[in-house]
Amino acid sequence: MHVRVILPGLLWPAPETAPALTGNELPSLLWLLGRAERTACAPAGPAQAFAQALGLPPASAAAALRRAGEADGHLPAPGEHWLCADPVTLRFMRDQLVLDDASAIGLAEAEIDALQTCLKPLFAEVGAFELCHPQRGYLRLKAAPDAQFSPLDDVAGRPVALFLPEGNAALRWGRILNALQIDLHELEFNRQRETEQRPQVNSLWFWGEGKPVPSAETTQTSVLTDSLLGRGAARLAGCTPQPLEDCANLPMNAASTLILDESLHRPALFRDMTAWREALTRCEARLFTPLAQALRDGRIEQLDIEAPRERENGAVFHIKPRRWAFWLRPAAPEILFAKS
């Protein structure tokens, strides 16, 4: 069986601030990497890497992939244009308007209903709005947006003025943003939150544009993932994803297994060392330990661990069973500290 693991964020992006790891923290991962041949892979974000691994166009819209991964299982139809339209908080820091994502807002059910009631009519001209989660909304557009948007993770905590829409329809999307911000400011629950000095939903952030996703059939026989993007990419490629916990019992009848794990991406992107180490610890238990045992048992013929990076080349670690290679030693933790 061939197993391919795609782990954006596996490489810590700043060697000069690398955490002090020991081999005892990640024995299975470092055992595997000590048996690996390393090659480079082209720059790619999670959506691009997951889509490409499943035979979808690399430029597939991240919004459509993520929408397909939502709990209701709705699949965007081939040819549809989608945008993420996520609730955010805009706040002033000194003399600049800074964006915070909705993770700390904690909307109540009544507030979610009021938000949807307010926003749906605003988008009638361009498409249909839906809120699938307090932190995740979507626009199913009537036509291509004709603009380029910045991913939410790139903007969070930074001045909004640096990341406004670009392209032929940039002014149109700017007007849409201004209109919805005015309406959101008038919402009763936002006024109450302002009085109580609590975070408000005073804007949406549009992002995730790309090519409409075509109908496709993947060659993968088994896909394991807990990621929204991963689940969505798998469903759009025509297969049913399984949870990552199934890695402990890899299907023996599968010719190939694809594992998509996004848990390291955000901590690495924000250089949150504590969160990154905690995510690595979880990966060690649920992924690397069972994969190392399966390699020792001869159930895996080839294991590839791919660590893509968005703006620079990433790495692929190619590992085969080498039972008699007694001279091989576990890799040093420094192998995880990316070098440009």
Protein backbone atom coordinates (compact mmCIF):
# COMPACT_ATOMS: atom_id res chain seq x y z
CA MET A 1 0.00 0.00 0.00
CA HIS A 2 1.16 3.53 -0.84
CA VAL A 3 0.37 6.15 1.80
CA ARG A 4 0.69 9.87 1.08
CA VAL A 5 0.42 12.39 3.93
CA ILE A 6 0.01 16.11 3.20
CA LEU A 7 0.81 18.28 6.21
CA PRO A 8 0.96 22.04 5.57
CA GLY A 9 2.81 23.67 8.44
CA LEU A 10 4.99 20.66 9.32
CA LEU A 11 8.06 22.81 8.68
CA TRP A 12 8.49 25.61 11.20
CA PRO A 13 8.84 28.73 9.00
CA ALA A 14 11.39 30.71 11.03
CA PRO A 15 14.61 28.80 11.83
CA GLU A 16 15.92 31.78 13.79
CA THR A 17 13.08 31.38 16.31
CA ALA A 18 12.83 27.60 16.20
CA PRO A 19 11.46 25.91 19.33
CA ALA A 20 13.74 23.69 21.37
CA LEU A 21 12.48 20.22 20.46
CA THR A 22 13.90 16.95 21.72
CA GLY A 23 13.81 13.55 20.08
CA ASN A 24 11.74 12.24 22.98
CA GLU A 25 8.83 14.48 21.97
CA LEU A 26 8.44 13.06 18.46
CA PRO A 27 10.06 9.61 18.41
CA SER A 28 7.93 8.14 15.62
CA LEU A 29 8.13 11.15 13.29
CA LEU A 30 11.91 11.47 13.69
CA TRP A 31 12.30 7.68 13.23
CA LEU A 32 10.41 7.97 9.94
CA LEU A 33 12.33 11.02 8.74
CA GLY A 34 15.61 9.34 9.59
CA ARG A 35 14.77 6.78 6.88
CA ALA A 36 13.60 9.32 4.32
CA GLU A 37 14.93 10.72 1.10
CA ARG A 38 14.05 14.39 0.82
CA THR A 39 13.00 16.26 -2.30
CA ALA A 40 11.51 19.73 -2.84
CA CYS A 41 7.90 20.49 -3.75
CA ALA A 42 6.56 23.66 -5.35
CA PRO A 43 4.91 26.35 -3.19
CA ALA A 44 1.28 25.56 -2.35
CA GLY A 45 -1.27 26.44 0.28
CA PRO A 46 -3.53 23.81 1.89
CA ALA A 47 -6.37 24.22 -0.62
CA GLN A 48 -4.03 23.98 -3.60
CA ALA A 49 -2.11 21.01 -2.19
CA PHE A 50 -5.25 19.07 -1.24
CA ALA A 51 -6.96 19.74 -4.58
CA GLN A 52 -3.92 18.70 -6.56
CA ALA A 53 -3.49 15.50 -4.56
CA LEU A 54 -7.05 14.50 -5.43
CA GLY A 55 -6.83 15.28 -9.13
CA LEU A 56 -8.71 18.59 -8.95
CA PRO A 57 -7.26 21.72 -10.63
CA PRO A 58 -4.68 23.33 -8.28
CA ALA A 59 -6.39 26.70 -8.79
CA SER A 60 -9.76 25.37 -7.62
CA ALA A 61 -11.64 27.90 -5.49
CA ALA A 62 -10.86 27.39 -1.81
CA ALA A 63 -14.38 28.65 -1.05
CA ALA A 64 -15.97 25.81 -3.03
CA LEU A 65 -13.66 23.23 -1.40
CA ARG A 66 -14.45 24.47 2.09
CA ARG A 67 -18.19 24.69 1.38
CA ALA A 68 -18.17 21.05 0.27
CA GLY A 69 -16.56 20.10 3.58
CA GLU A 70 -19.31 21.57 5.77
CA ALA A 71 -21.41 19.25 7.92
CA ASP A 72 -24.49 19.45 5.69
CA GLY A 73 -22.52 17.81 2.88
CA HIS A 74 -23.75 20.21 0.17
CA LEU A 75 -21.57 19.96 -2.94
CA PRO A 76 -21.14 23.05 -5.11
CA ALA A 77 -22.20 22.18 -8.64
CA PRO A 78 -19.58 22.08 -11.39
CA GLY A 79 -19.12 25.54 -12.86
CA GLU A 80 -20.49 27.47 -9.86
CA HIS A 81 -18.55 30.47 -8.52
CA TRP A 82 -18.14 30.72 -4.74
CA LEU A 83 -16.61 33.09 -2.21
CA CYS A 84 -16.06 32.69 1.50
CA ALA A 85 -17.87 35.52 3.31
CA ASP A 86 -16.73 35.17 6.90
CA PRO A 87 -17.95 37.32 9.82
CA VAL A 88 -15.15 39.48 11.23
CA THR A 89 -14.56 42.33 13.66
CA LEU A 90 -12.90 45.54 12.50
CA ARG A 91 -11.33 47.64 15.25
CA PHE A 92 -9.05 50.64 15.43
CA MET A 93 -5.49 50.14 16.60
CA ARG A 94 -3.78 53.52 16.85
CA ASP A 95 -4.75 55.10 13.51
CA GLN A 96 -5.35 51.92 11.50
CA LEU A 97 -8.34 49.62 11.04
CA VAL A 98 -7.33 46.07 12.00
CA LEU A 99 -9.24 42.84 11.35
CA ASP A 100 -9.95 40.10 13.90
CA ASP A 101 -11.58 36.84 12.82
CA ALA A 102 -14.75 35.60 14.49
CA SER A 103 -13.10 33.03 16.75
CA ALA A 104 -13.51 35.19 19.85
CA ILE A 105 -16.96 36.65 19.08
CA GLY A 106 -19.12 33.76 20.33
CA LEU A 107 -22.41 34.51 18.60
CA ALA A 108 -25.62 33.34 20.26
CA GLU A 109 -28.27 31.56 18.19
CA ALA A 110 -30.53 34.62 18.10
CA GLU A 111 -27.60 36.75 16.90
CA ILE A 112 -26.85 34.25 14.11
CA ASP A 113 -30.48 34.44 12.96
CA ALA A 114 -30.41 38.24 13.01
CA LEU A 115 -27.15 38.26 11.04
CA GLN A 116 -28.56 36.05 8.29
CA THR A 117 -31.81 38.03 8.12
CA CYS A 118 -29.81 41.23 7.71
CA LEU A 119 -27.33 39.98 5.10
CA LYS A 120 -29.31 37.81 2.72
CA PRO A 121 -31.19 40.68 0.99
CA LEU A 122 -27.95 42.66 0.58
CA PHE A 123 -26.47 40.08 -1.76
CA ALA A 124 -29.48 39.48 -3.99
CA GLU A 125 -27.76 41.33 -6.84
CA VAL A 126 -24.57 39.25 -6.81
CA GLY A 127 -25.70 35.88 -5.47
CA ALA A 128 -26.97 33.99 -2.44
CA PHE A 129 -25.52 34.28 1.07
CA GLU A 130 -25.55 31.51 3.65
CA LEU A 131 -24.03 31.19 7.09
CA CYS A 132 -23.03 27.59 7.79
CA HIS A 133 -21.26 28.31 11.08
CA PRO A 134 -20.87 31.39 13.33
CA GLN A 135 -17.38 31.83 11.84
CA ARG A 136 -18.02 30.73 8.25
CA GLY A 137 -20.26 32.21 5.58
CA TYR A 138 -20.44 31.77 1.80
CA LEU A 139 -21.60 33.54 -1.32
CA ARG A 140 -22.82 31.48 -4.27
CA LEU A 141 -22.28 34.00 -7.03
CA LYS A 142 -24.25 34.54 -10.20
CA ALA A 143 -21.00 35.18 -12.10
CA ALA A 144 -17.26 35.22 -11.52
CA PRO A 145 -16.31 37.94 -9.00
CA ASP A 146 -13.75 39.52 -11.39
CA ALA A 147 -11.63 40.53 -8.41
CA GLN A 148 -8.82 39.15 -6.31
CA PHE A 149 -9.15 38.83 -2.52
CA SER A 150 -6.69 38.11 0.28
CA PRO A 151 -7.13 34.95 2.39
CA LEU A 152 -8.53 35.65 5.85
CA ASP A 153 -5.51 34.08 7.58
CA ASP A 154 -3.23 36.57 5.79
CA VAL A 155 -5.26 39.54 7.03
CA ALA A 156 -6.13 38.58 10.62
CA GLY A 157 -4.48 40.93 13.08
CA ARG A 158 -3.20 43.25 10.34
CA PRO A 159 -4.30 46.59 8.82
CA VAL A 160 -7.21 46.03 6.43
CA ALA A 161 -6.06 48.83 4.09
CA LEU A 162 -3.21 46.61 2.89
CA PHE A 163 -5.57 43.85 1.72
CA LEU A 164 -8.50 45.47 -0.06
CA PRO A 165 -9.96 43.76 -3.17
CA GLU A 166 -8.05 44.19 -6.41
CA GLY A 167 -8.97 43.70 -10.06
CA ASN A 168 -11.57 44.97 -12.50
CA ALA A 169 -14.46 44.77 -10.03
CA ALA A 170 -12.56 46.02 -6.98
CA LEU A 171 -14.65 49.20 -6.70
CA ARG A 172 -17.87 47.20 -6.89
CA TRP A 173 -16.79 44.92 -4.04
CA GLY A 174 -15.69 47.96 -2.07
CA ARG A 175 -19.20 49.39 -2.37
CA ILE A 176 -20.69 46.06 -1.27
CA LEU A 177 -18.45 46.06 1.80
CA ASN A 178 -19.40 49.63 2.69
CA ALA A 179 -23.12 48.88 2.38
CA LEU A 180 -23.05 45.76 4.53
CA GLN A 181 -20.91 47.46 7.19
CA ILE A 182 -23.53 50.21 7.51
CA ASP A 183 -26.34 47.67 7.91
CA LEU A 184 -24.35 45.56 10.37
CA HIS A 185 -23.65 48.62 12.52
CA GLU A 186 -27.41 49.15 12.89
CA LEU A 187 -28.10 45.60 14.13
CA GLU A 188 -29.51 45.62 17.65
CA PHE A 189 -27.18 42.90 18.93
CA ASN A 190 -24.14 44.80 17.63
CA ARG A 191 -25.27 47.97 19.38
CA GLN A 192 -25.71 45.98 22.59
CA ARG A 193 -22.26 44.46 22.18
CA GLU A 194 -20.80 47.92 21.61
CA THR A 195 -22.39 49.15 24.84
CA GLU A 196 -20.96 46.14 26.69
CA GLN A 197 -17.55 46.58 25.00
CA ARG A 198 -17.77 43.11 23.42
CA PRO A 199 -16.56 42.20 19.90
CA GLN A 200 -19.07 42.97 17.16
CA VAL A 201 -19.69 41.44 13.75
CA ASN A 202 -19.22 44.66 11.82
CA SER A 203 -18.05 43.29 8.48
CA LEU A 204 -17.53 40.20 6.34
CA TRP A 205 -14.29 39.16 4.72
CA PHE A 206 -14.48 37.86 1.16
CA TRP A 207 -11.85 35.41 -0.02
CA GLY A 208 -11.31 31.98 -1.59
CA GLU A 209 -11.96 32.86 -5.24
CA GLY A 210 -10.64 30.57 -7.94
CA LYS A 211 -11.66 28.41 -10.84
CA PRO A 212 -15.03 26.67 -10.61
CA VAL A 213 -14.56 23.08 -9.51
CA PRO A 214 -15.27 20.55 -12.29
CA SER A 215 -16.69 17.10 -11.70
CA ALA A 216 -13.79 14.71 -11.11
CA GLU A 217 -12.97 11.18 -10.08
CA THR A 218 -9.92 10.61 -7.90
CA THR A 219 -7.59 7.64 -8.19
CA GLN A 220 -7.29 7.51 -4.40
CA THR A 221 -9.00 4.50 -2.86
CA SER A 222 -9.00 5.86 0.71
CA VAL A 223 -8.90 9.42 2.08
CA LEU A 224 -8.49 10.26 5.77
CA THR A 225 -8.99 13.83 6.98
CA ASP A 226 -10.63 16.01 9.64
CA SER A 227 -10.04 19.21 7.67
CA LEU A 228 -12.93 21.13 6.11
CA LEU A 229 -10.83 21.76 3.01
CA GLY A 230 -9.74 18.14 2.94
CA ARG A 231 -13.26 16.77 3.31
CA GLY A 232 -14.54 19.12 0.66
CA ALA A 233 -11.80 18.28 -1.82
CA ALA A 234 -12.39 14.55 -1.29
CA ARG A 235 -16.15 14.85 -1.76
CA LEU A 236 -15.76 16.95 -4.90
CA ALA A 237 -13.33 14.34 -6.23
CA GLY A 238 -15.95 11.63 -5.78
CA CYS A 239 -14.88 9.79 -2.64
CA THR A 240 -16.09 9.61 0.95
CA PRO A 241 -13.47 10.84 3.46
CA GLN A 242 -12.89 9.01 6.73
CA PRO A 243 -11.74 10.60 10.02
CA LEU A 244 -8.06 10.74 10.92
CA GLU A 245 -8.61 8.41 13.86
CA ASP A 246 -8.93 5.61 11.27
CA CYS A 247 -5.20 5.97 10.67
CA ALA A 248 -4.72 3.50 13.53
CA ASN A 249 -6.42 0.86 11.36
CA LEU A 250 -5.41 1.52 7.79
CA PRO A 251 -7.68 -0.30 5.32
CA MET A 252 -5.77 -3.33 4.09
CA ASN A 253 -7.76 -3.53 0.84
CA ALA A 254 -6.76 -0.01 -0.26
CA ALA A 255 -4.11 0.30 -2.94
CA SER A 256 -3.45 3.86 -1.85
CA THR A 257 -4.35 6.05 1.11
CA LEU A 258 -4.25 9.84 1.16
CA ILE A 259 -4.09 11.65 4.52
CA LEU A 260 -4.86 15.37 4.61
CA ASP A 261 -4.13 17.19 7.88
CA GLU A 262 -4.41 20.97 8.22
CA SER A 263 -3.89 21.18 11.98
CA LEU A 264 -0.31 22.52 11.78
CA HIS A 265 -0.97 25.17 9.14
CA ARG A 266 -2.46 27.98 11.21
CA PRO A 267 0.00 27.70 14.16
CA ALA A 268 2.92 27.77 11.72
CA LEU A 269 1.43 30.67 9.74
CA PHE A 270 1.01 32.79 12.87
CA ARG A 271 4.27 31.46 14.38
CA ASP A 272 2.37 30.36 17.46
CA MET A 273 5.04 28.10 18.90
CA THR A 274 2.90 26.69 21.71
CA ALA A 275 0.00 25.78 19.42
CA TRP A 276 2.41 24.31 16.84
CA ARG A 277 4.05 22.02 19.38
CA GLU A 278 0.66 20.93 20.72
CA ALA A 279 -0.51 20.13 17.18
CA LEU A 280 2.71 18.21 16.51
CA THR A 281 2.10 16.16 19.65
CA ARG A 282 -1.38 15.25 18.42
CA CYS A 283 0.02 14.32 15.00
CA GLU A 284 2.62 12.11 16.67
CA ALA A 285 -0.09 10.13 18.46
CA ARG A 286 -2.72 9.84 15.75
CA LEU A 287 -0.57 9.78 12.60
CA PHE A 288 3.12 9.15 12.96
CA THR A 289 2.99 6.38 15.57
CA PRO A 290 0.51 4.16 13.65
CA LEU A 291 2.26 4.92 10.34
CA ALA A 292 5.65 3.96 11.77
CA GLN A 293 4.20 0.70 13.10
CA ALA A 294 2.56 -0.08 9.76
CA LEU A 295 5.89 0.52 8.03
CA ARG A 296 7.66 -1.83 10.44
CA ASP A 297 4.96 -4.47 9.90
CA GLY A 298 5.33 -4.30 6.15
CA ARG A 299 1.76 -3.05 5.60
CA ILE A 300 3.08 0.08 3.85
CA GLU A 301 5.28 -0.24 0.78
CA GLN A 302 5.82 3.48 0.30
CA LEU A 303 5.14 6.43 2.61
CA ASP A 304 5.42 10.02 1.41
CA ILE A 305 5.12 12.87 3.91
CA GLU A 306 4.61 16.16 2.08
CA ALA A 307 5.11 19.50 3.85
CA PRO A 308 4.05 22.25 1.42
CA ARG A 309 4.72 25.92 2.10
CA GLU A 310 2.71 28.75 0.56
CA ARG A 311 5.43 31.13 -0.62
CA GLU A 312 8.54 28.96 -0.80
CA ASN A 313 9.41 25.44 -1.77
CA GLY A 314 8.30 22.80 0.69
CA ALA A 315 9.64 19.29 1.22
CA VAL A 316 8.57 15.73 0.51
CA PHE A 317 10.02 12.91 2.62
CA HIS A 318 9.99 9.59 0.73
CA ILE A 319 10.17 6.56 3.04
CA LYS A 320 10.30 2.83 2.25
CA PRO A 321 10.66 -0.14 4.61
CA ARG A 322 14.37 -0.73 5.26
CA ARG A 323 14.30 -3.47 7.84
CA TRP A 324 17.99 -4.32 7.67
CA ALA A 325 19.31 -0.76 7.61
CA PHE A 326 20.46 -0.95 11.23
CA TRP A 327 22.83 1.98 10.78
CA LEU A 328 19.98 4.47 10.27
CA ARG A 329 19.22 6.74 13.21
CA PRO A 330 16.26 9.01 13.92
CA ALA A 331 16.54 12.44 12.35
CA ALA A 332 17.45 15.43 14.47
CA PRO A 333 14.51 17.75 15.31
CA GLU A 334 16.20 20.50 13.30
CA ILE A 335 14.96 18.75 10.15
CA LEU A 336 11.60 20.42 10.85
CA PHE A 337 12.99 23.95 10.77
CA ALA A 338 12.46 25.24 7.25
CA LYS A 339 15.30 26.79 5.31
CA SER A 340 14.70 29.13 2.40
